[in-house]
Amino acid sequence: MADLGIARINQEASVNGTLTRADLADTVHRKLGLSRAESANVVERILHHMCAALAHGQNVKISGFGSFILRDKGQRVGRNPKTGVEVPIAPRRVMTFRASQIMRDRIARG
């Protein structure tokens, strides 16, 4: 899989150790030669498309990276840990992320 150097982007991420949209856009700019504005637009469009798919109930799978999976959780009874009073927890939809085996192997190697 050609990664265009994106797999090594964490070495160039912000000082605080968090990869941001700006970091992604900068990598697109340097690796593909697009203008900074075009690069930022590409990143925004990809993220928007992923969010729209999830909002419409679709799972998102990125080969070699992982899957964003939607799950519907039913109503259940919870308990207030301070008072012990039972409280109903409403049904809701949650999103989980499952890293691909390739990603897990990369993380394990460090």
Protein backbone atom coordinates (compact mmCIF):
# COMPACT_ATOMS: atom_id res chain seq x y z
CA MET A 1 0.00 0.00 0.00
CA ALA A 2 1.50 3.33 -1.02
CA ASP A 3 1.09 5.68 1.90
CA LEU A 4 2.62 8.84 0.38
CA GLY A 5 4.49 9.30 3.64
CA ILE A 6 1.26 9.69 5.58
CA ALA A 7 2.09 6.69 7.80
CA ARG A 8 5.07 8.70 9.08
CA ILE A 9 3.07 11.88 9.61
CA ASN A 10 3.10 11.46 13.39
CA GLN A 11 6.79 12.41 13.34
CA GLU A 12 5.78 15.78 11.94
CA ALA A 13 2.64 16.31 14.04
CA SER A 14 2.12 19.22 16.35
CA VAL A 15 4.42 19.62 19.32
CA ASN A 16 1.72 18.43 21.73
CA GLY A 17 1.61 15.01 20.04
CA THR A 18 -1.82 15.48 18.45
CA LEU A 19 -2.36 15.16 14.72
CA THR A 20 -4.64 17.97 13.51
CA ARG A 21 -6.50 18.84 10.32
CA ALA A 22 -3.82 21.43 9.62
CA ASP A 23 -1.12 18.73 9.89
CA LEU A 24 -3.02 16.55 7.42
CA ALA A 25 -3.54 19.46 5.03
CA ASP A 26 0.16 20.35 5.26
CA THR A 27 1.15 16.78 4.40
CA VAL A 28 -1.23 16.75 1.41
CA HIS A 29 0.28 20.08 0.32
CA ARG A 30 3.87 18.78 0.53
CA LYS A 31 3.31 15.28 -0.89
CA LEU A 32 0.84 16.07 -3.68
CA GLY A 33 1.89 19.61 -4.56
CA LEU A 34 -1.57 21.12 -4.18
CA SER A 35 -1.89 24.66 -2.89
CA ARG A 36 -2.43 25.04 0.86
CA ALA A 37 -6.05 26.08 0.26
CA GLU A 38 -6.70 23.13 -2.04
CA SER A 39 -5.05 20.76 0.44
CA ALA A 40 -7.18 22.04 3.31
CA ASN A 41 -10.26 21.71 1.10
CA VAL A 42 -9.40 18.08 0.24
CA VAL A 43 -9.01 17.19 3.92
CA GLU A 44 -12.27 18.96 4.83
CA ARG A 45 -14.18 17.23 2.01
CA ILE A 46 -12.94 13.79 3.05
CA LEU A 47 -13.87 14.40 6.69
CA HIS A 48 -17.24 15.85 5.69
CA HIS A 49 -17.99 12.83 3.50
CA MET A 50 -17.10 10.45 6.34
CA CYS A 51 -19.27 12.39 8.83
CA ALA A 52 -22.19 12.49 6.39
CA ALA A 53 -22.00 8.73 5.84
CA LEU A 54 -22.00 8.09 9.60
CA ALA A 55 -24.88 10.54 10.11
CA HIS A 56 -26.90 8.58 7.52
CA GLY A 57 -26.29 5.31 9.38
CA GLN A 58 -23.46 3.93 7.24
CA ASN A 59 -20.30 2.42 8.68
CA VAL A 60 -17.00 3.78 7.33
CA LYS A 61 -14.18 1.39 6.54
CA ILE A 62 -10.74 2.61 5.47
CA SER A 63 -8.56 -0.27 4.32
CA GLY A 64 -5.33 -0.54 6.28
CA PHE A 65 -6.55 1.98 8.87
CA GLY A 66 -9.76 0.81 10.52
CA SER A 67 -13.53 0.96 10.69
CA PHE A 68 -15.93 3.42 12.27
CA ILE A 69 -18.90 1.30 13.31
CA LEU A 70 -22.32 2.48 14.45
CA ARG A 71 -24.17 0.55 17.14
CA ASP A 72 -27.65 1.06 18.54
CA LYS A 73 -27.72 0.58 22.30
CA GLY A 74 -31.02 -0.21 23.92
CA GLN A 75 -32.53 1.39 26.98
CA ARG A 76 -31.14 0.12 30.25
CA VAL A 77 -31.22 0.86 33.93
CA GLY A 78 -28.21 2.57 35.45
CA ARG A 79 -27.43 3.46 39.02
CA ASN A 80 -26.29 6.75 40.51
CA PRO A 81 -23.03 5.73 42.25
CA LYS A 82 -23.45 8.33 45.02
CA THR A 83 -27.05 7.67 46.00
CA GLY A 84 -27.67 4.19 44.60
CA VAL A 85 -30.88 5.42 42.94
CA GLU A 86 -31.77 3.59 39.73
CA VAL A 87 -31.97 5.83 36.68
CA PRO A 88 -33.19 4.84 33.20
CA ILE A 89 -30.60 5.40 30.46
CA ALA A 90 -32.23 6.25 27.12
CA PRO A 91 -31.51 4.24 23.98
CA ARG A 92 -28.87 5.82 21.79
CA ARG A 93 -26.61 5.30 18.82
CA VAL A 94 -22.88 5.18 19.48
CA MET A 95 -19.86 5.10 17.21
CA THR A 96 -16.88 2.88 17.86
CA PHE A 97 -13.56 2.63 16.08
CA ARG A 98 -11.84 -0.66 15.40
CA ALA A 99 -8.28 -0.39 14.14
CA SER A 100 -7.24 -2.71 11.30
CA GLN A 101 -4.68 -5.42 11.93
CA ILE A 102 -2.15 -3.41 9.91
CA MET A 103 -2.70 -0.37 12.15
CA ARG A 104 -2.48 -2.47 15.32
CA ASP A 105 0.79 -3.97 14.13
CA ARG A 106 2.22 -0.49 13.36
CA ILE A 107 1.23 0.77 16.81
CA ALA A 108 2.71 -2.27 18.52
CA ARG A 109 6.03 -1.74 16.71
CA GLY A 110 6.10 1.87 17.87
